[in-house]
Protein backbone atom coordinates (compact mmCIF):
# COMPACT_ATOMS: atom_id res chain seq x y z
CA MET A 1 -123.09 -75.32 54.21
CA GLN A 2 -120.38 -77.26 55.84
CA THR A 3 -118.29 -76.75 52.79
CA VAL A 4 -118.75 -72.99 53.01
CA MET A 5 -117.77 -73.03 56.65
CA ALA A 6 -114.72 -75.06 55.88
CA VAL A 7 -113.66 -72.58 53.19
CA ILE A 8 -114.20 -69.68 55.54
CA ALA A 9 -112.23 -71.41 58.28
CA LEU A 10 -109.44 -72.10 55.81
CA ALA A 11 -109.39 -68.48 54.63
CA LEU A 12 -109.31 -67.24 58.21
CA GLY A 13 -106.50 -69.63 58.94
CA LEU A 14 -104.55 -68.36 55.97
CA LEU A 15 -105.12 -64.77 56.94
CA LEU A 16 -104.03 -65.50 60.50
CA GLY A 17 -100.91 -67.25 59.26
CA VAL A 18 -100.06 -64.38 56.96
CA GLY A 19 -100.58 -61.89 59.78
CA ILE A 20 -98.40 -63.86 62.17
CA THR A 21 -95.72 -64.25 59.50
CA PHE A 22 -95.77 -60.51 58.75
CA ALA A 23 -95.60 -59.68 62.46
CA ILE A 24 -92.59 -61.99 62.86
CA PHE A 25 -90.92 -60.43 59.79
CA GLN A 26 -91.47 -56.90 61.08
CA TRP A 27 -90.11 -57.90 64.46
CA ARG A 28 -86.97 -59.31 62.88
CA ILE A 29 -86.48 -56.17 60.79
CA LYS A 30 -86.84 -54.03 63.87
CA ASP A 31 -84.28 -56.13 65.74
CA LYS A 32 -81.90 -55.87 62.79
CA ARG A 33 -82.27 -52.08 62.68
CA VAL A 34 -81.71 -51.83 66.39
CA ALA A 35 -78.56 -53.95 66.05
CA GLU A 36 -77.35 -51.78 63.15
CA LEU A 37 -78.01 -48.62 65.14
CA ARG A 38 -76.09 -50.00 68.08
CA GLN A 39 -73.24 -51.00 65.76
CA ALA A 40 -73.25 -47.55 64.16
CA GLU A 41 -73.23 -45.95 67.60
CA VAL A 42 -70.20 -48.04 68.54
CA GLU A 43 -68.40 -47.06 65.27
CA VAL A 44 -69.25 -43.39 65.81
CA ARG A 45 -67.82 -43.55 69.30
CA GLU A 46 -64.66 -45.22 67.93
CA ILE A 47 -64.37 -42.59 65.19
CA LEU A 48 -64.79 -39.78 67.69
CA ALA A 49 -62.17 -41.32 69.96
CA HIS A 50 -59.79 -41.77 67.01
CA ALA A 51 -60.49 -38.20 65.89
CA ARG A 52 -59.71 -36.88 69.36
CA GLU A 53 -56.45 -38.84 69.40
CA GLU A 54 -55.57 -37.64 65.89
CA SER A 55 -56.35 -34.05 66.78
CA GLN A 56 -54.16 -34.32 69.86
CA ARG A 57 -51.35 -35.79 67.74
CA ILE A 58 -51.70 -33.11 65.06
CA LYS A 59 -51.76 -30.45 67.74
CA LYS A 60 -48.56 -31.77 69.27
CA GLU A 61 -46.88 -32.07 65.83
CA GLY A 62 -47.98 -28.54 64.97
CA GLU A 63 -46.55 -27.23 68.22
CA VAL A 64 -43.27 -29.06 67.51
CA ALA A 65 -43.16 -27.73 63.90
CA VAL A 66 -43.89 -24.20 65.10
CA LYS A 67 -41.13 -24.46 67.65
CA GLU A 68 -38.71 -25.80 65.03
CA SER A 69 -39.67 -23.05 62.57
CA TYR A 70 -39.28 -20.47 65.28
CA LEU A 71 -35.84 -21.79 66.19
CA THR A 72 -34.80 -21.95 62.51
CA LEU A 73 -35.99 -18.41 61.81
CA LYS A 74 -34.31 -17.19 64.95
CA ALA A 75 -31.03 -18.86 63.92
CA GLU A 76 -31.26 -17.34 60.43
CA LEU A 77 -32.06 -13.92 61.86
CA ASP A 78 -29.14 -14.21 64.26
CA LYS A 79 -26.88 -15.25 61.39
CA ASN A 80 -28.07 -12.38 59.17
CA ASN A 81 -27.65 -9.96 62.04
CA ASN A 82 -24.11 -11.22 62.62
CA GLU A 83 -23.25 -10.93 58.92
CA HIS A 84 -24.79 -7.48 58.75
CA GLN A 85 -22.88 -6.48 61.84
CA ASN A 86 -19.65 -7.86 60.32
CA ARG A 87 -20.30 -5.88 57.13
CA LEU A 88 -20.94 -2.78 59.15
CA ASN A 89 -17.74 -3.34 61.08
CA SER A 90 -15.80 -3.90 57.84
CA LEU A 91 -17.30 -0.79 56.27
CA GLU A 92 -16.52 1.16 59.39
CA LYS A 93 -12.88 0.01 59.24
CA ARG A 94 -12.69 0.96 55.54
CA LEU A 95 -14.18 4.35 56.26
CA ILE A 96 -11.67 4.90 59.00
CA GLN A 97 -8.82 3.86 56.66
CA ARG A 98 -10.16 6.15 53.92
CA GLU A 99 -10.37 9.01 56.37
CA ASP A 100 -6.77 8.34 57.37
CA ASN A 101 -5.72 8.20 53.71
CA LEU A 102 -7.62 11.39 52.94
CA ASP A 103 -5.95 13.08 55.87
CA LYS A 104 -2.54 11.94 54.60
CA LYS A 105 -3.38 13.06 51.04
CA SER A 106 -4.62 16.42 52.27
CA MET A 107 -1.39 16.85 54.20
CA ASN A 108 0.60 15.90 51.10
CA LEU A 109 -1.44 18.32 49.03
CA GLU A 110 -0.82 21.07 51.52
CA ASN A 111 2.91 20.31 51.44
CA ARG A 112 2.83 20.30 47.64
CA GLU A 113 0.94 23.59 47.59
CA ARG A 114 3.58 25.10 49.85
CA ASP A 115 6.32 23.69 47.61
CA LEU A 116 4.55 24.94 44.49
CA HIS A 117 4.10 28.33 46.06
CA LYS A 118 7.79 28.45 46.87
CA SER A 119 8.65 27.27 43.34
CA GLU A 120 6.33 29.86 41.85
CA GLN A 121 7.98 32.59 43.85
CA GLN A 122 11.39 31.31 42.74
CA ILE A 123 10.25 31.22 39.10
CA LYS A 124 8.92 34.75 39.33
CA ALA A 125 12.24 35.82 40.80
CA LYS A 126 14.09 34.07 37.96
CA GLU A 127 11.78 35.72 35.41
CA ARG A 128 12.55 39.11 36.91
CA GLU A 129 16.24 38.33 36.71
CA ILE A 130 15.84 37.19 33.07
CA ASP A 131 13.95 40.35 32.20
CA GLU A 132 16.71 42.39 33.78
CA LEU A 133 19.34 40.40 31.84
CA LYS A 134 17.38 40.89 28.60
CA GLU A 135 17.27 44.63 29.16
CA LYS A 136 20.99 44.68 29.83
CA GLN A 137 21.59 42.48 26.74
CA LYS A 138 19.52 44.83 24.58
CA GLU A 139 21.56 47.77 25.82
CA ILE A 140 24.77 45.86 25.09
CA ILE A 141 23.54 44.83 21.61
CA LEU A 142 22.53 48.39 20.83
CA GLN A 143 25.92 49.59 21.92
CA GLU A 144 27.64 46.87 19.86
CA GLU A 145 25.45 47.61 16.82
CA SER A 146 26.27 51.27 17.02
CA GLU A 147 29.93 50.38 17.38
CA LEU A 148 29.71 47.91 14.44
CA GLU A 149 27.90 50.53 12.36
CA ARG A 150 30.61 52.98 13.16
CA ILE A 151 33.42 50.51 12.36
CA SER A 152 31.93 48.72 9.30
CA GLY A 153 29.94 51.54 7.88
CA LEU A 154 26.83 49.22 7.69
CA SER A 155 23.44 49.89 9.15
CA ALA A 156 21.86 47.46 11.67
CA GLU A 157 19.52 46.07 8.99
CA GLN A 158 22.39 45.51 6.56
CA ALA A 159 24.50 43.81 9.22
CA ARG A 160 21.60 41.57 10.20
CA LYS A 161 21.11 40.56 6.57
CA VAL A 162 24.80 39.71 6.18
CA ILE A 163 24.76 37.61 9.34
CA LEU A 164 21.60 35.76 8.27
CA GLU A 165 23.09 34.98 4.85
CA LYS A 166 26.22 33.63 6.49
CA ILE A 167 24.15 31.48 8.87
CA GLU A 168 22.05 30.20 5.96
CA GLN A 169 25.16 29.20 3.96
CA ASP A 170 26.67 27.42 6.94
CA SER A 171 23.36 25.64 7.62
CA GLN A 172 23.06 24.49 4.01
CA ALA A 173 26.57 23.09 4.08
CA ASP A 174 25.92 21.27 7.36
CA MET A 175 22.60 20.00 6.03
CA ALA A 176 24.24 18.69 2.85
CA LYS A 177 26.82 16.82 4.92
CA LEU A 178 24.10 15.39 7.13
CA LEU A 179 22.00 14.32 4.14
CA ARG A 180 25.03 12.69 2.52
CA LYS A 181 25.78 10.79 5.71
CA MET A 182 22.13 9.76 6.10
CA GLU A 183 22.07 8.57 2.49
CA GLU A 184 25.18 6.46 2.99
CA ASP A 185 23.76 4.98 6.22
CA TYR A 186 20.48 4.28 4.45
CA LYS A 187 22.23 2.43 1.62
CA LYS A 188 24.14 0.28 4.11
CA ARG A 189 21.01 -0.41 6.15
CA LYS A 190 18.96 -1.03 3.00
CA ASP A 191 21.31 -3.76 1.76
CA LEU A 192 21.55 -5.29 5.23
CA LEU A 193 17.77 -5.19 5.69
CA ALA A 194 17.19 -6.77 2.26
CA ARG A 195 19.59 -9.58 3.13
CA GLU A 196 17.89 -10.13 6.49
CA ILE A 197 14.41 -10.23 4.93
CA MET A 198 15.50 -12.70 2.25
CA ALA A 199 17.41 -14.86 4.74
CA THR A 200 14.40 -14.95 7.08
CA ALA A 201 12.08 -15.93 4.24
CA ILE A 202 14.42 -18.72 3.11
CA GLN A 203 14.98 -20.09 6.61
CA SER A 204 11.27 -20.21 7.40
CA SER A 205 10.10 -21.62 4.06
CA ALA A 206 12.92 -23.59 2.40
CA ALA A 207 11.89 -27.08 1.38
CA GLU A 208 13.89 -30.09 0.33
CA TYR A 209 13.35 -31.47 -3.15
CA VAL A 210 13.23 -34.98 -4.48
CA ILE A 211 15.16 -35.22 -7.72
CA GLU A 212 12.92 -36.25 -10.60
CA SER A 213 14.01 -38.47 -13.50
CA THR A 214 12.55 -39.57 -16.82
CA VAL A 215 11.95 -43.19 -15.79
CA SER A 216 9.70 -44.97 -13.28
CA VAL A 217 10.11 -48.47 -11.90
CA VAL A 218 7.20 -50.82 -11.16
CA ASP A 219 8.03 -53.73 -8.87
CA LEU A 220 6.61 -57.14 -9.83
CA PRO A 221 5.73 -60.05 -7.51
CA SER A 222 7.71 -62.43 -9.73
CA ASP A 223 9.46 -62.62 -13.12
CA GLU A 224 6.54 -64.70 -14.40
CA MET A 225 4.48 -61.50 -14.46
CA LYS A 226 6.74 -60.09 -17.21
CA GLY A 227 5.43 -62.65 -19.69
CA ARG A 228 1.83 -61.76 -18.83
CA ILE A 229 2.61 -58.06 -19.30
CA ILE A 230 4.10 -58.76 -22.73
CA GLY A 231 1.16 -60.99 -23.67
CA ARG A 232 0.72 -63.26 -26.64
CA GLU A 233 2.74 -61.92 -29.59
CA GLY A 234 3.31 -58.71 -27.55
CA ARG A 235 -0.35 -57.61 -27.64
CA ASN A 236 -0.49 -56.44 -24.01
CA ILE A 237 2.71 -54.40 -24.00
CA ARG A 238 1.80 -52.75 -27.32
CA ALA A 239 -1.60 -51.80 -25.93
CA LEU A 240 0.02 -50.33 -22.80
CA GLU A 241 2.55 -48.31 -24.77
CA MET A 242 0.01 -47.07 -27.32
CA LEU A 243 -2.64 -46.04 -24.77
CA THR A 244 -0.22 -44.35 -22.34
CA GLY A 245 2.30 -42.90 -24.82
CA THR A 246 5.26 -44.39 -22.93
CA ASN A 247 7.92 -47.04 -23.49
CA LEU A 248 8.02 -50.17 -21.30
CA ILE A 249 11.46 -51.66 -20.83
CA ILE A 250 11.40 -55.31 -19.76
CA ASP A 251 15.04 -56.36 -19.46
CA ASP A 252 17.05 -58.58 -17.16
CA THR A 253 16.26 -56.49 -14.10
CA PRO A 254 14.68 -59.02 -11.70
CA GLU A 255 11.04 -58.49 -10.72
CA ALA A 256 10.81 -54.96 -12.19
CA VAL A 257 9.54 -53.12 -15.26
CA ILE A 258 10.92 -49.72 -16.27
CA ILE A 259 8.57 -47.09 -17.75
CA SER A 260 10.34 -44.44 -19.83
CA SER A 261 8.89 -41.12 -21.01
CA ALA A 262 9.92 -37.49 -21.05
CA ASP A 263 6.33 -36.56 -20.10
CA PRO A 264 6.01 -37.17 -16.35
CA ILE A 265 2.19 -37.16 -16.46
CA LYS A 266 2.03 -39.92 -19.07
CA ARG A 267 4.68 -41.82 -17.14
CA GLU A 268 2.73 -41.52 -13.87
CA ILE A 269 -0.54 -42.69 -15.49
CA ALA A 270 1.30 -45.66 -17.00
CA ARG A 271 2.90 -46.50 -13.65
CA ARG A 272 -0.41 -46.39 -11.76
CA SER A 273 -2.20 -48.38 -14.46
CA LEU A 274 0.48 -51.09 -14.59
CA LYS A 275 0.51 -51.35 -10.80
CA THR A 276 -3.28 -51.83 -10.78
CA LEU A 277 -3.07 -54.48 -13.52
CA VAL A 278 -0.33 -56.38 -11.67
CA GLU A 279 -2.34 -56.35 -8.43
CA ASP A 280 -5.53 -57.39 -10.25
CA GLY A 281 -3.85 -60.15 -12.26
CA ARG A 282 -6.17 -59.81 -15.29
CA ILE A 283 -4.01 -58.45 -18.12
CA ASN A 284 -5.49 -58.30 -21.62
CA PRO A 285 -6.02 -55.45 -24.14
CA ALA A 286 -9.65 -54.83 -23.11
CA ARG A 287 -8.80 -54.79 -19.41
CA ILE A 288 -5.74 -52.60 -20.06
CA GLU A 289 -7.88 -50.00 -21.84
CA GLU A 290 -10.46 -50.05 -19.02
CA VAL A 291 -7.83 -49.67 -16.27
CA ILE A 292 -6.00 -46.85 -18.06
CA GLU A 293 -9.26 -44.93 -18.52
CA GLU A 294 -10.15 -45.34 -14.82
CA THR A 295 -6.61 -44.37 -13.79
CA ARG A 296 -6.73 -41.29 -15.98
CA LYS A 297 -10.00 -40.14 -14.35
CA LYS A 298 -8.63 -40.71 -10.84
CA PHE A 299 -5.43 -38.94 -11.82
CA GLU A 300 -7.39 -35.88 -12.98
CA GLU A 301 -9.16 -35.82 -9.61
CA ALA A 302 -5.79 -36.11 -7.83
CA LEU A 303 -4.50 -33.13 -9.85
CA VAL A 304 -7.43 -31.02 -8.64
CA GLU A 305 -6.81 -32.12 -5.05
CA ASP A 306 -3.12 -31.17 -5.28
CA GLY A 307 -4.00 -27.76 -6.75
CA GLU A 308 -6.64 -27.09 -4.10
CA ALA A 309 -4.20 -28.09 -1.36
CA ALA A 310 -1.61 -25.61 -2.69
CA ALA A 311 -4.17 -22.77 -2.85
CA LEU A 312 -5.55 -23.66 0.59
CA GLU A 313 -2.06 -23.68 2.11
CA PHE A 314 -1.75 -19.94 1.44
CA GLY A 315 -5.42 -19.08 2.04
CA LEU A 316 -6.05 -18.00 -1.57
CA LYS A 317 -9.72 -17.51 -2.44
CA ASN A 318 -11.66 -17.53 -5.71
CA VAL A 319 -8.98 -19.38 -7.67
CA HIS A 320 -10.36 -20.47 -11.04
CA GLY A 321 -10.89 -24.22 -11.52
CA GLU A 322 -8.58 -24.32 -14.53
CA LEU A 323 -5.77 -22.70 -12.52
CA ILE A 324 -6.35 -25.26 -9.74
CA LYS A 325 -5.96 -28.11 -12.23
CA LEU A 326 -2.83 -26.56 -13.79
CA LEU A 327 -1.30 -26.15 -10.32
CA GLY A 328 -1.85 -29.88 -9.79
CA ARG A 329 -0.12 -30.62 -13.12
CA LEU A 330 2.95 -28.71 -11.93
CA ARG A 331 3.61 -31.53 -9.44
CA TYR A 332 4.66 -33.61 -12.44
CA ARG A 333 6.77 -30.89 -14.08
CA THR A 334 10.44 -30.37 -13.27
CA SER A 335 13.14 -27.81 -14.09
CA TYR A 336 16.75 -28.86 -13.52
CA GLY A 337 15.42 -31.62 -11.28
CA GLN A 338 13.41 -29.11 -9.20
CA ASN A 339 9.71 -29.92 -8.82
CA VAL A 340 7.85 -26.88 -10.22
CA LEU A 341 4.88 -27.11 -7.82
CA GLU A 342 7.21 -27.19 -4.81
CA HIS A 343 9.21 -24.34 -6.38
CA SER A 344 5.99 -22.32 -6.86
CA ARG A 345 4.94 -22.95 -3.25
CA GLU A 346 8.36 -21.83 -2.07
CA VAL A 347 8.24 -18.67 -4.21
CA ALA A 348 4.76 -17.86 -2.83
CA ALA A 349 6.04 -18.28 0.73
CA TYR A 350 9.14 -16.12 0.10
CA ALA A 351 7.21 -13.36 -1.68
CA GLY A 352 4.47 -13.29 0.97
CA LYS A 353 6.90 -13.07 3.87
CA MET A 354 8.99 -10.35 2.21
CA ALA A 355 5.82 -8.38 1.36
CA ALA A 356 4.74 -8.59 5.01
CA GLU A 357 8.16 -7.33 6.13
CA ILE A 358 8.11 -4.22 3.91
CA GLY A 359 4.37 -3.48 4.10
CA ALA A 360 3.46 -4.48 0.53
CA ASN A 361 0.30 -6.34 -0.54
CA VAL A 362 0.81 -9.84 0.89
CA GLU A 363 -2.10 -11.45 -0.96
CA THR A 364 -0.99 -10.15 -4.38
CA ALA A 365 2.63 -11.19 -3.81
CA THR A 366 1.64 -14.65 -2.56
CA ARG A 367 -0.88 -15.23 -5.35
CA ALA A 368 1.53 -14.12 -8.09
CA GLY A 369 4.30 -16.21 -6.53
CA LEU A 370 2.18 -19.36 -6.60
CA LEU A 371 1.02 -18.76 -10.20
CA HIS A 372 4.23 -17.31 -11.71
CA ASP A 373 5.22 -20.59 -13.46
CA ILE A 374 1.66 -21.75 -14.26
CA GLY A 375 2.53 -21.69 -17.98
CA LYS A 376 4.98 -24.56 -17.48
CA ALA A 377 2.01 -26.88 -16.92
CA ILE A 378 1.13 -26.69 -20.64
CA ASP A 379 4.23 -25.20 -22.31
CA ARG A 380 4.87 -28.53 -24.08
CA GLU A 381 1.38 -28.42 -25.60
CA VAL A 382 1.03 -24.70 -26.46
CA GLU A 383 3.30 -22.42 -28.50
CA GLY A 384 5.16 -19.68 -26.64
CA THR A 385 7.32 -19.25 -23.56
CA HIS A 386 5.96 -20.32 -20.20
CA THR A 387 5.74 -16.64 -19.18
CA GLU A 388 3.60 -15.71 -22.19
CA ILE A 389 1.40 -18.77 -21.67
CA GLY A 390 1.05 -18.03 -17.95
CA VAL A 391 -0.02 -14.43 -18.64
CA LYS A 392 -2.69 -15.56 -21.12
CA VAL A 393 -4.04 -18.25 -18.79
CA ALA A 394 -4.13 -15.87 -15.79
CA GLN A 395 -6.01 -13.24 -17.83
CA LYS A 396 -8.43 -15.85 -19.14
CA CYS A 397 -9.14 -17.08 -15.59
CA GLY A 398 -9.91 -13.60 -14.27
CA GLU A 399 -6.79 -12.87 -12.21
CA SER A 400 -6.20 -9.24 -11.23
CA GLU A 401 -3.98 -6.99 -13.33
CA ALA A 402 -1.40 -6.80 -10.53
CA VAL A 403 -1.03 -10.60 -10.49
CA VAL A 404 -0.90 -10.85 -14.30
CA LEU A 405 1.79 -8.15 -14.56
CA ALA A 406 3.84 -9.79 -11.80
CA ILE A 407 3.74 -13.08 -13.75
CA ALA A 408 4.81 -11.23 -16.91
CA ALA A 409 7.74 -9.55 -15.12
CA HIS A 410 9.16 -12.50 -13.17
CA HIS A 411 11.87 -13.06 -15.85
CA LYS A 412 12.27 -9.30 -16.46
CA ASP A 413 10.50 -9.51 -19.83
CA ILE A 414 8.84 -6.21 -18.92
CA ASP A 415 9.74 -3.44 -16.48
CA PHE A 416 8.60 -4.11 -12.93
CA PRO A 417 5.09 -2.64 -12.62
CA SER A 418 4.92 -2.89 -8.81
CA VAL A 419 6.80 -3.74 -5.63
CA GLU A 420 4.99 -7.08 -5.50
CA ALA A 421 6.33 -7.96 -8.98
CA MET A 422 9.87 -7.22 -7.82
CA LEU A 423 9.34 -9.45 -4.77
CA VAL A 424 8.08 -12.33 -6.95
CA GLN A 425 11.15 -12.04 -9.20
CA ALA A 426 13.47 -11.96 -6.18
CA ALA A 427 11.70 -14.93 -4.59
CA ASP A 428 11.92 -16.87 -7.87
CA SER A 429 15.67 -16.25 -8.05
CA LEU A 430 16.12 -17.22 -4.39
CA SER A 431 14.22 -20.47 -4.78
CA ALA A 432 16.08 -21.43 -7.95
CA ALA A 433 19.54 -20.37 -6.84
CA ARG A 434 19.69 -21.49 -3.22
CA PRO A 435 21.94 -24.51 -2.52
CA GLY A 436 20.28 -27.86 -3.09
CA ALA A 437 17.29 -26.51 -4.99
CA ARG A 438 18.32 -27.45 -8.51
CA ARG A 439 20.57 -30.08 -9.98
CA GLU A 440 22.83 -29.64 -12.96
CA ILE A 441 26.34 -30.95 -13.47
CA LEU A 442 28.75 -28.04 -13.03
CA GLU A 443 30.74 -28.85 -16.15
CA ILE A 444 27.59 -28.91 -18.30
CA TYR A 445 26.36 -25.68 -16.74
CA LEU A 446 29.65 -23.84 -17.33
CA LYS A 447 29.91 -25.25 -20.83
CA ARG A 448 26.41 -24.00 -21.65
CA LEU A 449 27.22 -20.48 -20.42
CA GLU A 450 30.52 -20.49 -22.27
CA SER A 451 28.83 -21.60 -25.50
CA LEU A 452 26.26 -18.84 -25.15
CA GLU A 453 28.91 -16.14 -24.67
CA LYS A 454 31.06 -17.53 -27.50
CA LEU A 455 28.12 -17.58 -29.88
CA ALA A 456 27.33 -13.93 -29.13
CA GLN A 457 30.97 -12.88 -29.54
CA SER A 458 31.12 -14.52 -32.98
CA PHE A 459 29.21 -11.57 -34.49
CA GLN A 460 31.11 -8.63 -36.00
CA GLY A 461 31.10 -5.48 -33.88
CA VAL A 462 30.57 -7.25 -30.51
CA SER A 463 32.88 -5.87 -27.83
CA LYS A 464 31.86 -8.03 -24.85
CA ALA A 465 29.21 -10.65 -24.05
CA TYR A 466 28.03 -11.83 -20.62
CA ALA A 467 25.70 -14.72 -19.72
CA LEU A 468 23.46 -13.61 -16.83
CA GLN A 469 20.77 -15.13 -14.57
CA ALA A 470 22.04 -18.72 -14.83
CA GLY A 471 22.00 -18.52 -18.63
CA ARG A 472 18.51 -17.02 -18.96
CA GLU A 473 19.91 -13.79 -20.44
CA VAL A 474 22.90 -12.85 -22.60
CA ARG A 475 23.92 -9.20 -22.50
CA ILE A 476 25.98 -8.01 -25.50
CA ILE A 477 27.94 -4.74 -25.62
CA VAL A 478 28.71 -3.57 -29.15
CA ASP A 479 31.21 -1.04 -30.50
CA SER A 480 29.17 2.11 -31.10
CA ASP A 481 31.55 3.30 -33.82
CA ARG A 482 31.03 0.14 -35.89
CA ILE A 483 27.35 -0.66 -35.14
CA ASN A 484 24.54 1.86 -35.42
CA ASP A 485 21.11 1.62 -33.79
CA ASN A 486 19.43 -0.16 -36.70
CA GLU A 487 22.26 -2.68 -36.96
CA ALA A 488 22.00 -3.31 -33.19
CA ILE A 489 18.30 -4.19 -33.58
CA LEU A 490 19.10 -6.57 -36.43
CA MET A 491 22.00 -8.11 -34.46
CA ALA A 492 19.74 -8.91 -31.48
CA ARG A 493 17.35 -10.76 -33.78
CA ASN A 494 20.14 -12.67 -35.56
CA ILE A 495 21.74 -13.76 -32.26
CA ALA A 496 18.37 -14.97 -30.92
CA VAL A 497 17.79 -17.03 -34.08
CA LYS A 498 21.28 -18.54 -33.92
CA VAL A 499 20.82 -19.43 -30.23
CA GLU A 500 17.53 -21.19 -31.05
CA ASN A 501 19.12 -23.19 -33.87
CA GLU A 502 22.47 -24.15 -32.31
CA LEU A 503 22.07 -24.41 -28.53
CA GLU A 504 19.97 -26.60 -26.22
CA TYR A 505 18.58 -24.84 -23.15
CA PRO A 506 15.53 -24.93 -20.85
CA GLY A 507 12.87 -22.23 -21.04
CA GLN A 508 13.94 -19.09 -22.90
CA ILE A 509 17.00 -16.86 -23.24
CA LYS A 510 16.72 -13.08 -23.32
CA VAL A 511 19.09 -11.35 -25.77
CA THR A 512 19.98 -7.77 -24.82
CA VAL A 513 22.20 -5.65 -27.10
CA VAL A 514 23.67 -2.51 -25.51
CA ARG A 515 25.02 0.27 -27.73
CA GLU A 516 26.50 3.14 -25.77
CA LYS A 517 28.20 6.26 -27.06
CA ARG A 518 30.64 7.87 -24.62
CA ILE A 519 32.29 11.23 -25.29
CA VAL A 520 35.09 12.22 -22.88
CA GLU A 521 36.95 15.52 -22.73
CA PHE A 522 39.44 16.86 -20.20
CA ALA A 523 39.59 20.45 -18.94
CA ARG A 524 43.18 21.51 -18.21
């Protein structure tokens, strides 16, 4: 029993302790909430105070911004009003000036109208006077006609016809004199104009030439290099000469080797190859063959570049690749010391400028001028004259008929088919004949012309012989009583054959036999 009471007392004690503890806990929670509420109340009051201050500040800033905006807008409005007012004032001044000008113009117009009216009245008065004079003249003419009819016995119609015939005869005579004078003036002006055009073309396009020779010189770093070029038992020099088709002259000239060949292209390839070998230092037959092959390929590329540069210089389009390459080859072709590519460029420039002066086709003249000697690039490899070869190559490469015919006519092998062909021939003669363009010893030149004339005069029946165009043509006049037409044809052929066999000359020579029959009578 006591145990039960003790347990009950313990349970009551526990319950009381738990109740007291809970009461204390609740009291502490309540105090904490009260403190939090008070703290929150303080923060709310601070926030409200801060909000009031912020609202006051924002209000003041807004008032200031509004005032500033107002002042800015007012200033802009004042400025716009002032500008508008200034424009209005300016427009008003212009309107006033225009009104003044219109008033002045109206006054001038009124004055002009008065002057015109006066002039019109004067003209009408003059017209009346003219009409009166015409009537008087008619009366006088009628009187004179009747008097002439009476004196001459001719009617008015017959007299008028006689007078008209006389006037017509006099007019024809005066017109013939005028036409004769105009023709003479035209001939003088034509020759002068032709000289001026040619002189202008030469002055604006003439180029200086470097005289070409048949040898090239390669400088060596030392004389020791000569032995390496010759090689053991002459193997290296034989390989060089065989592969390039040239002759190498290694003489006593210090530190130099001379390359000799009539073919400038072979000579140039040999020169470039030898220069590369000397710089490289490895000289043996295998290396020589390799270097020459590489040099030949690079040289072919250089030829194309030179040809393209020449075509580009004159703005020529659609030039066939073969023609481009042949143009490049002309750089290494000479005629009387004159570089043929430079000569062709000069002829193209002359022909183009002269065509522009007279209104001919500039492109055709320039193109034909540049290509006129294209046959010389391969005339040592192909049978025929350079003109014939050039015509065939131009046709093969698709050049126009006008260009082909101009090439064919540039040495007068055919009649001139066009104005452009005549210009190309004139430009070719100018480029070849101008001072400093070509080199030939005067004595040799004169001797060659003299030999040509003497050879032609050696034939029976020849009356006179003349060498023309710097020896490119020989013109032979035969005695018509001794030589008939068939014999003249045969003589031209025989002279051409004899010239080919006995004389040395560049290019070709045209043989022209002239047989003329003149019959003269005198009326006494």
